[in-house]
């Protein structure tokens, strides 16, 4: 039995090499053991670096960032 989850996928990048929403949903479903609400935001390098600076105080472009839902600023939904 799979747990219920809510998933929001945001594409904030114009690159052509992005996973489909269905693929991201399959990845999340495979990783979940409990009910959850998850947002996946795929961004360009500029936004990734800005988020890393804002939330981790690191000045480089990361390949993955994770945050608790309450940590995201109101401007990012």
N, C-alpha and C. Protein backbone atom coordinates (compact mmCIF):
# COMPACT_ATOMS: atom_id res chain seq x y z
N UNK A 1 0.83 -1.18 0.00
CA UNK A 1 0.00 0.00 0.00
C UNK A 1 0.87 1.24 0.00
N UNK A 2 0.67 2.14 -0.96
CA UNK A 2 1.45 3.37 -1.04
C UNK A 2 0.81 4.46 -0.20
N UNK A 3 1.60 5.24 0.55
CA UNK A 3 1.04 6.34 1.31
C UNK A 3 0.56 7.45 0.37
N UNK A 4 -0.42 8.23 0.84
CA UNK A 4 -0.87 9.38 0.06
C UNK A 4 0.16 10.49 0.17
N UNK A 5 0.30 11.26 -0.91
CA UNK A 5 1.18 12.42 -0.85
C UNK A 5 0.70 13.47 -1.82
N UNK A 6 1.08 14.70 -1.51
CA UNK A 6 0.80 15.83 -2.38
C UNK A 6 2.14 16.28 -2.95
N UNK A 7 2.19 16.47 -4.26
CA UNK A 7 3.45 16.83 -4.92
C UNK A 7 3.24 18.05 -5.80
N UNK A 8 4.09 19.03 -5.63
CA UNK A 8 4.11 20.20 -6.50
C UNK A 8 5.46 20.23 -7.19
N UNK A 9 5.46 20.25 -8.52
CA UNK A 9 6.70 20.31 -9.29
C UNK A 9 6.76 21.67 -9.97
N UNK A 10 7.83 22.41 -9.74
CA UNK A 10 8.00 23.74 -10.31
C UNK A 10 9.23 23.74 -11.20
N UNK A 11 9.06 24.16 -12.44
CA UNK A 11 10.18 24.29 -13.36
C UNK A 11 10.51 25.77 -13.52
N UNK A 12 11.66 26.19 -12.99
CA UNK A 12 12.10 27.58 -13.08
C UNK A 12 13.41 27.62 -13.86
N UNK A 13 13.47 26.86 -14.92
CA UNK A 13 14.65 26.76 -15.76
C UNK A 13 14.19 26.52 -17.18
N UNK A 14 14.91 27.06 -18.13
CA UNK A 14 14.54 26.89 -19.53
C UNK A 14 15.37 25.84 -20.25
N UNK A 15 16.14 25.08 -19.52
CA UNK A 15 16.94 24.04 -20.13
C UNK A 15 16.04 22.97 -20.76
N UNK A 16 16.51 22.32 -21.78
CA UNK A 16 15.73 21.29 -22.46
C UNK A 16 15.83 19.93 -21.78
N UNK A 17 16.80 19.77 -20.90
CA UNK A 17 17.08 18.47 -20.30
C UNK A 17 16.47 18.38 -18.90
N UNK A 18 15.12 18.39 -18.82
CA UNK A 18 14.42 18.32 -17.54
C UNK A 18 13.64 17.02 -17.44
N UNK A 19 13.51 16.48 -16.22
CA UNK A 19 12.66 15.30 -16.07
C UNK A 19 11.19 15.70 -16.25
N UNK A 20 10.39 14.76 -16.68
CA UNK A 20 8.96 15.03 -16.80
C UNK A 20 8.34 15.08 -15.41
N UNK A 21 7.18 15.72 -15.31
CA UNK A 21 6.47 15.74 -14.02
C UNK A 21 6.13 14.32 -13.58
N UNK A 22 5.76 13.47 -14.53
CA UNK A 22 5.44 12.08 -14.20
C UNK A 22 6.67 11.35 -13.65
N UNK A 23 7.84 11.61 -14.21
CA UNK A 23 9.07 10.97 -13.73
C UNK A 23 9.38 11.42 -12.30
N UNK A 24 9.27 12.72 -12.03
CA UNK A 24 9.53 13.22 -10.68
C UNK A 24 8.55 12.59 -9.70
N UNK A 25 7.28 12.50 -10.10
CA UNK A 25 6.27 11.90 -9.23
C UNK A 25 6.63 10.43 -8.92
N UNK A 26 7.10 9.69 -9.91
CA UNK A 26 7.52 8.30 -9.68
C UNK A 26 8.69 8.23 -8.71
N UNK A 27 9.67 9.15 -8.86
CA UNK A 27 10.82 9.18 -7.94
C UNK A 27 10.36 9.42 -6.51
N UNK A 28 9.47 10.38 -6.34
CA UNK A 28 9.00 10.72 -5.00
C UNK A 28 8.20 9.56 -4.41
N UNK A 29 7.31 8.99 -5.18
CA UNK A 29 6.51 7.87 -4.70
C UNK A 29 7.40 6.71 -4.26
N UNK A 30 8.47 6.47 -5.00
CA UNK A 30 9.38 5.38 -4.67
C UNK A 30 10.15 5.66 -3.37
N UNK A 31 10.36 6.93 -3.05
CA UNK A 31 11.15 7.30 -1.88
C UNK A 31 10.32 7.41 -0.60
N UNK A 32 9.02 7.54 -0.72
CA UNK A 32 8.18 7.79 0.45
C UNK A 32 7.86 6.51 1.23
N UNK A 33 7.89 6.63 2.52
CA UNK A 33 7.42 5.56 3.40
C UNK A 33 6.21 6.01 4.20
N UNK A 34 5.97 7.33 4.27
CA UNK A 34 4.88 7.90 5.05
C UNK A 34 4.19 8.97 4.21
N UNK A 35 2.98 9.32 4.58
CA UNK A 35 2.28 10.40 3.90
C UNK A 35 3.10 11.69 4.01
N UNK A 36 3.09 12.50 2.95
CA UNK A 36 3.91 13.72 2.95
C UNK A 36 3.40 14.70 1.93
N UNK A 37 3.87 15.94 2.05
CA UNK A 37 3.65 16.96 1.04
C UNK A 37 5.02 17.42 0.58
N UNK A 38 5.28 17.36 -0.71
CA UNK A 38 6.61 17.62 -1.26
C UNK A 38 6.49 18.61 -2.41
N UNK A 39 7.42 19.57 -2.45
CA UNK A 39 7.54 20.46 -3.59
C UNK A 39 8.91 20.23 -4.21
N UNK A 40 8.95 20.02 -5.50
CA UNK A 40 10.20 19.89 -6.24
C UNK A 40 10.28 21.10 -7.15
N UNK A 41 11.34 21.90 -7.01
CA UNK A 41 11.52 23.09 -7.84
C UNK A 41 12.82 22.92 -8.60
N UNK A 42 12.75 22.89 -9.91
CA UNK A 42 13.93 22.74 -10.75
C UNK A 42 14.28 24.13 -11.26
N UNK A 43 15.47 24.61 -10.90
CA UNK A 43 15.85 25.99 -11.18
C UNK A 43 17.11 26.06 -12.01
N UNK A 44 17.39 27.27 -12.51
CA UNK A 44 18.64 27.48 -13.23
C UNK A 44 19.76 27.74 -12.22
N UNK A 45 20.98 27.84 -12.71
CA UNK A 45 22.15 28.00 -11.84
C UNK A 45 22.07 29.27 -11.01
N UNK A 46 21.56 30.35 -11.59
CA UNK A 46 21.48 31.62 -10.87
C UNK A 46 20.58 31.50 -9.63
N UNK A 47 19.40 30.92 -9.80
CA UNK A 47 18.50 30.78 -8.66
C UNK A 47 19.03 29.77 -7.65
N UNK A 48 19.66 28.70 -8.12
CA UNK A 48 20.24 27.71 -7.20
C UNK A 48 21.30 28.35 -6.32
N UNK A 49 22.14 29.18 -6.92
CA UNK A 49 23.19 29.85 -6.14
C UNK A 49 22.58 30.83 -5.14
N UNK A 50 21.54 31.57 -5.56
CA UNK A 50 20.89 32.52 -4.66
C UNK A 50 20.22 31.80 -3.48
N UNK A 51 19.54 30.70 -3.75
CA UNK A 51 18.91 29.93 -2.67
C UNK A 51 19.96 29.37 -1.72
N UNK A 52 21.06 28.86 -2.27
CA UNK A 52 22.13 28.32 -1.44
C UNK A 52 22.73 29.41 -0.56
N UNK A 53 22.89 30.60 -1.11
CA UNK A 53 23.42 31.72 -0.33
C UNK A 53 22.43 32.13 0.77
N UNK A 54 21.16 32.25 0.39
CA UNK A 54 20.13 32.70 1.34
C UNK A 54 19.92 31.72 2.49
N UNK A 55 19.88 30.43 2.20
CA UNK A 55 19.49 29.44 3.20
C UNK A 55 20.65 28.69 3.83
N UNK A 56 21.78 28.62 3.14
CA UNK A 56 22.91 27.87 3.69
C UNK A 56 24.16 28.73 3.84
N UNK A 57 24.08 29.99 3.38
CA UNK A 57 25.20 30.93 3.46
C UNK A 57 26.44 30.39 2.75
N UNK A 58 26.21 29.74 1.61
CA UNK A 58 27.29 29.20 0.78
C UNK A 58 27.19 29.86 -0.59
N UNK A 59 28.32 30.26 -1.15
CA UNK A 59 28.32 31.03 -2.39
C UNK A 59 28.59 30.24 -3.65
N UNK A 60 28.08 29.02 -3.74
CA UNK A 60 28.30 28.23 -4.95
C UNK A 60 26.98 27.64 -5.44
N UNK A 61 27.00 27.12 -6.65
CA UNK A 61 25.82 26.49 -7.24
C UNK A 61 25.80 25.02 -6.81
N UNK A 62 24.80 24.62 -6.01
CA UNK A 62 24.70 23.22 -5.60
C UNK A 62 23.93 22.42 -6.65
N UNK A 63 24.05 21.11 -6.60
CA UNK A 63 23.25 20.30 -7.52
C UNK A 63 21.90 19.92 -6.91
N UNK A 64 21.79 19.94 -5.57
CA UNK A 64 20.53 19.65 -4.88
C UNK A 64 20.46 20.49 -3.62
N UNK A 65 19.29 21.07 -3.34
CA UNK A 65 19.02 21.75 -2.08
C UNK A 65 17.75 21.17 -1.50
N UNK A 66 17.71 20.96 -0.19
CA UNK A 66 16.49 20.50 0.46
C UNK A 66 16.18 21.41 1.63
N UNK A 67 14.89 21.65 1.86
CA UNK A 67 14.45 22.51 2.94
C UNK A 67 13.20 21.94 3.56
N UNK A 68 13.01 22.18 4.86
CA UNK A 68 11.72 21.94 5.50
C UNK A 68 10.73 22.92 4.91
N UNK A 69 9.47 22.54 4.75
CA UNK A 69 8.48 23.39 4.12
C UNK A 69 8.42 24.78 4.77
N UNK A 70 8.46 24.85 6.07
CA UNK A 70 8.37 26.12 6.79
C UNK A 70 9.55 27.05 6.55
N UNK A 71 10.65 26.55 6.02
CA UNK A 71 11.83 27.38 5.80
C UNK A 71 11.76 28.18 4.50
N UNK A 72 10.89 27.81 3.58
CA UNK A 72 10.82 28.49 2.29
C UNK A 72 10.17 29.86 2.46
N UNK A 73 10.73 30.84 1.81
CA UNK A 73 10.18 32.18 1.92
C UNK A 73 8.80 32.25 1.27
N UNK A 74 7.96 33.21 1.68
CA UNK A 74 6.61 33.31 1.13
C UNK A 74 6.57 33.53 -0.37
N UNK A 75 7.63 34.06 -0.97
CA UNK A 75 7.65 34.31 -2.41
C UNK A 75 7.84 33.05 -3.25
N UNK A 76 8.21 31.96 -2.61
CA UNK A 76 8.42 30.70 -3.33
C UNK A 76 7.31 29.75 -2.91
N UNK A 77 6.49 29.37 -3.88
CA UNK A 77 5.37 28.46 -3.56
C UNK A 77 5.43 27.22 -4.40
